Structures are given as C-alpha cells and as structure tokens.
Amino acid sequence: MTLAEKIVSKKLKEDVGEGDTVEIDIDLAMTHDGSTPLAVKAFKEIGDRVWDREKIVISFDHNVPANTVKAANMHKITREFIREQGIKHVYREGEGICHQVLIEGGHVKPNMMIAGGDSHTCTHGAFGAFATGFGATDMGYIFATGKTWIKVPRTIRVNIEGYNEGITSKDIVLRVCKEVGRRGAIYMAIEYGGEVV
C-alpha cells in the first residue's frame, strides 16, 4: 500500500486502493483571505454553522495589506465569518503564509486528512498527512459538514539514490519536476524514498 492509501484506509477503517472514490472526514480545513470569501458564499447556501470551529484555520496572507476596494471587502467578509462562526485559529496579516503557519502552529500531524483552499496545501504531505487543495464550493461544503469525497490517487514513487557534494534538496525537487513535467502528476501523489531521503 502507498502512504496515501494507508492514510485513507486508516481513516475509513477499511482497505482502499488507487481509483476508489470515498467520502472522508476532514481533520483540518484551511483557507486564506483570497479563498475564504468564495468558500463562505458556498457555505451559506448549505448551512449556517461550521462543523467544527476548532478544525478550521484562516490566514490573512495573500493580499495584505488590502490594496484595493475589492481586497478590503474580501477581508471584511472573512473577518465577519470568523466572528460569526467563532473560528479559533486565525493568523492575521504578517503572521505568516497559510501553508507555513499550519506547520509552525502545530496544526499538522501524521495521518491527518487536510483540505485547503490553496494550491500549496500538498506541502503538508511532508509531515505524513494526506493534504490537498480544493476549490471554493468544496471548501464551503467542508466548512458545513466536515466531509468531502476524494478519488484515492495513483502514487508516483521517486527513489533518490546516491549523494553528490553540492546537490541540495531544491536541486533534487527541480529535477523531479523536470522529469514528471508540468502536467505529469495531476490528481496523483508523489512518495519519496531511497537512501538520500
């Protein structure tokens, strides 16, 4: 079993494999000042109370300080949502970028299912979580129910062997990106292994 399959199987208490479509409980949901207002719009069509105010993290980090009327209004919608719902974990302007504050704030733990309204949500996979980005409608549904559906992804295994002086982790990742290509891992997980890892 791949790590993605193991995490999903553990959460569901049943074995799943690549390509299976399942409904799964979310352990942590994250949005930022750019994605929250759109998620809130979808959420309000579904419900009026979030499923768990302790499991939602909102960060003001993408357009700060607000430099347009539109951005200021998006911040206002986000702040109203935080206040109305009593969201516990909020990172204000200057406190960090959403995918970093989740890590630095101790929110991410192994085997968690993390849904984020940001394309870098998959960063949390480095900590043994199943973490992926979702669109605004999905995030609104997650805010309301704490659930989503996923297709268990195919996993690409990358083994890093041999060590050369002067080669950094960034060099390795850039090489992997070159090999996989821009569209080579859509709806897939990448699992790293080998002696270097």
Protein backbone atom coordinates (compact mmCIF):
# COMPACT_ATOMS: atom_id res chain seq x y z
CA MET A 1 0.00 0.00 0.00
CA THR A 2 1.11 3.55 -0.68
CA LEU A 3 1.15 6.20 2.04
CA ALA A 4 -1.97 7.85 0.56
CA GLU A 5 -3.82 4.51 0.58
CA LYS A 6 -2.69 3.80 4.15
CA ILE A 7 -3.87 7.18 5.46
CA VAL A 8 -7.28 6.95 3.76
CA SER A 9 -7.71 3.29 4.78
CA LYS A 10 -6.86 4.13 8.40
CA LYS A 11 -9.39 6.97 8.48
CA LEU A 12 -12.13 4.85 6.91
CA LYS A 13 -11.22 1.71 8.89
CA GLU A 14 -11.29 -0.31 5.67
CA ASP A 15 -8.81 -1.01 2.90
CA VAL A 16 -8.97 1.24 -0.15
CA GLY A 17 -6.85 1.40 -3.26
CA GLU A 18 -5.93 3.61 -6.18
CA GLY A 19 -9.00 4.86 -8.03
CA ASP A 20 -11.53 4.15 -5.25
CA THR A 21 -13.94 7.04 -4.66
CA VAL A 22 -14.77 7.57 -1.00
CA GLU A 23 -16.39 10.09 1.34
CA ILE A 24 -13.99 11.00 4.12
CA ASP A 25 -13.96 13.12 7.29
CA ILE A 26 -11.67 16.14 7.28
CA ASP A 27 -9.33 16.66 10.22
CA LEU A 28 -8.31 20.20 9.30
CA ALA A 29 -9.59 22.80 6.83
CA MET A 30 -7.57 25.85 5.81
CA THR A 31 -8.39 28.92 3.74
CA HIS A 32 -6.84 32.36 3.32
CA ASP A 33 -8.03 35.89 2.63
CA GLY A 34 -8.33 35.12 -1.08
CA SER A 35 -10.19 31.80 -0.84
CA THR A 36 -12.32 32.29 2.29
CA PRO A 37 -14.92 34.70 0.82
CA LEU A 38 -15.72 32.31 -2.04
CA ALA A 39 -15.93 29.37 0.38
CA VAL A 40 -18.20 31.42 2.67
CA LYS A 41 -20.56 32.11 -0.23
CA ALA A 42 -20.85 28.37 -0.93
CA PHE A 43 -21.10 27.58 2.80
CA LYS A 44 -24.07 29.94 3.28
CA GLU A 45 -26.02 28.04 0.62
CA ILE A 46 -25.58 24.83 2.64
CA GLY A 47 -25.70 25.73 6.32
CA ASP A 48 -25.39 28.38 8.99
CA ARG A 49 -22.88 26.81 11.46
CA VAL A 50 -19.48 25.33 10.68
CA TRP A 51 -18.99 21.68 11.55
CA ASP A 52 -16.12 22.37 13.98
CA ARG A 53 -14.68 25.83 14.64
CA GLU A 54 -11.55 24.24 16.19
CA LYS A 55 -10.68 22.43 12.94
CA ILE A 56 -10.66 25.47 10.66
CA VAL A 57 -7.61 27.69 10.17
CA ILE A 58 -7.83 31.01 8.33
CA SER A 59 -4.81 33.08 7.36
CA PHE A 60 -4.60 36.65 6.08
CA ASP A 61 -1.58 36.33 3.81
CA HIS A 62 -2.29 36.67 0.11
CA ASN A 63 -3.35 40.28 -0.35
CA VAL A 64 -2.10 42.09 2.72
CA PRO A 65 -2.48 44.82 3.41
CA ALA A 66 -5.55 45.08 1.20
CA ASN A 67 -4.55 47.28 -1.72
CA THR A 68 -7.92 47.59 -3.49
CA VAL A 69 -11.55 48.08 -2.50
CA LYS A 70 -12.24 44.51 -3.69
CA ALA A 71 -9.48 43.10 -1.46
CA ALA A 72 -10.70 45.18 1.51
CA ASN A 73 -14.22 43.82 1.03
CA MET A 74 -12.86 40.25 0.86
CA HIS A 75 -11.08 40.85 4.16
CA LYS A 76 -14.33 42.20 5.63
CA ILE A 77 -16.28 39.09 4.57
CA THR A 78 -13.55 36.88 6.04
CA ARG A 79 -13.47 38.77 9.36
CA GLU A 80 -17.27 38.65 9.66
CA PHE A 81 -17.22 34.89 9.04
CA ILE A 82 -14.50 34.40 11.66
CA ARG A 83 -16.51 36.40 14.22
CA GLU A 84 -19.92 34.83 13.39
CA GLN A 85 -18.56 31.28 13.49
CA GLY A 86 -16.14 31.74 16.39
CA ILE A 87 -13.21 30.37 14.37
CA LYS A 88 -10.43 29.64 16.86
CA HIS A 89 -7.32 29.55 14.67
CA VAL A 90 -6.76 32.81 12.80
CA TYR A 91 -3.44 34.15 11.56
CA ARG A 92 -3.51 37.90 10.98
CA GLU A 93 -1.57 39.99 8.50
CA GLY A 94 2.16 39.50 8.90
CA GLU A 95 1.92 36.29 10.94
CA GLY A 96 2.86 34.01 8.05
CA ILE A 97 1.70 32.26 4.90
CA CYS A 98 -1.16 29.76 5.24
CA HIS A 99 0.67 26.55 4.38
CA GLN A 100 3.60 27.53 6.63
CA VAL A 101 1.57 28.64 9.66
CA LEU A 102 -0.25 25.32 9.69
CA ILE A 103 3.10 23.62 10.18
CA GLU A 104 4.67 26.20 12.50
CA GLY A 105 1.46 26.47 14.55
CA GLY A 106 1.46 22.73 15.23
CA HIS A 107 -1.79 22.05 13.38
CA VAL A 108 -0.41 19.32 11.09
CA LYS A 109 0.08 15.78 12.34
CA PRO A 110 0.72 12.45 10.61
CA ASN A 111 -2.32 10.61 9.21
CA MET A 112 -4.48 13.74 9.11
CA MET A 113 -6.81 14.49 6.20
CA ILE A 114 -6.22 18.17 5.38
CA ALA A 115 -8.31 20.20 2.93
CA GLY A 116 -7.05 23.59 1.88
CA GLY A 117 -8.28 26.42 -0.27
CA ASP A 118 -4.74 26.87 -1.60
CA SER A 119 -2.71 25.05 -4.23
CA HIS A 120 0.23 24.57 -1.85
CA THR A 121 -1.80 22.54 0.65
CA CYS A 122 0.03 19.42 -0.51
CA THR A 123 3.08 20.80 1.36
CA HIS A 124 1.71 19.07 4.45
CA GLY A 125 2.30 15.67 2.90
CA ALA A 126 5.91 16.10 4.04
CA PHE A 127 4.59 15.55 7.58
CA GLY A 128 2.75 12.33 6.77
CA ALA A 129 -0.65 13.90 6.17
CA PHE A 130 -2.96 13.43 3.19
CA ALA A 131 -3.26 17.07 2.19
CA THR A 132 -4.71 18.52 -0.98
CA GLY A 133 -6.23 21.69 -2.35
CA PHE A 134 -9.93 22.16 -3.03
CA GLY A 135 -11.99 24.79 -4.82
CA ALA A 136 -14.33 27.24 -3.11
CA THR A 137 -17.51 25.18 -3.47
CA ASP A 138 -15.80 22.15 -1.96
CA MET A 139 -14.37 24.23 0.89
CA GLY A 140 -17.84 25.65 1.61
CA TYR A 141 -19.22 22.12 1.81
CA ILE A 142 -16.33 21.08 4.06
CA PHE A 143 -16.95 24.08 6.36
CA ALA A 144 -20.58 22.95 6.71
CA THR A 145 -20.14 19.18 7.01
CA GLY A 146 -16.52 18.34 7.78
CA LYS A 147 -16.62 15.87 4.90
CA THR A 148 -15.62 15.61 1.28
CA TRP A 149 -15.20 12.94 -1.35
CA ILE A 150 -11.94 12.01 -2.97
CA LYS A 151 -10.66 9.55 -5.50
CA VAL A 152 -7.73 7.71 -3.95
CA PRO A 153 -4.84 8.93 -6.11
CA ARG A 154 -2.32 6.96 -8.05
CA THR A 155 1.11 7.33 -6.44
CA ILE A 156 4.37 8.02 -8.21
CA ARG A 157 7.27 6.60 -6.22
CA VAL A 158 10.52 8.58 -6.50
CA ASN A 159 13.62 6.94 -5.03
CA ILE A 160 16.59 9.24 -4.55
CA GLU A 161 19.85 7.28 -4.55
CA GLY A 162 23.45 8.47 -4.23
CA TYR A 163 24.78 11.67 -2.72
CA ASN A 164 26.85 14.29 -4.52
CA GLU A 165 28.52 17.20 -2.74
CA GLY A 166 26.82 20.50 -3.51
CA ILE A 167 23.46 19.00 -4.55
CA THR A 168 20.62 20.40 -2.44
CA SER A 169 17.07 19.23 -1.82
CA LYS A 170 15.89 22.01 -4.14
CA ASP A 171 18.11 20.63 -6.92
CA ILE A 172 16.51 17.23 -6.43
CA VAL A 173 12.95 18.57 -6.48
CA LEU A 174 13.64 20.67 -9.58
CA ARG A 175 14.96 17.54 -11.32
CA VAL A 176 11.87 15.58 -10.29
CA CYS A 177 9.68 18.39 -11.65
CA LYS A 178 11.57 18.28 -14.94
CA GLU A 179 11.17 14.51 -15.20
CA VAL A 180 7.49 14.46 -14.25
CA GLY A 181 6.58 17.51 -16.34
CA ARG A 182 4.07 20.29 -15.74
CA ARG A 183 1.01 18.06 -16.07
CA GLY A 184 2.57 14.71 -15.24
CA ALA A 185 1.22 14.31 -11.71
CA ILE A 186 -2.29 15.77 -11.82
CA TYR A 187 -4.51 14.00 -9.27
CA MET A 188 -1.56 11.91 -8.18
CA ALA A 189 0.53 11.65 -5.04
CA ILE A 190 4.32 11.63 -5.07
CA GLU A 191 6.00 9.46 -2.46
CA TYR A 192 9.73 9.95 -1.91
CA GLY A 193 12.14 7.27 -0.74
CA GLY A 194 15.64 5.93 -1.25
CA GLU A 195 18.90 6.32 0.63
CA VAL A 196 19.03 10.13 0.32
CA VAL A 197 15.58 10.57 1.83
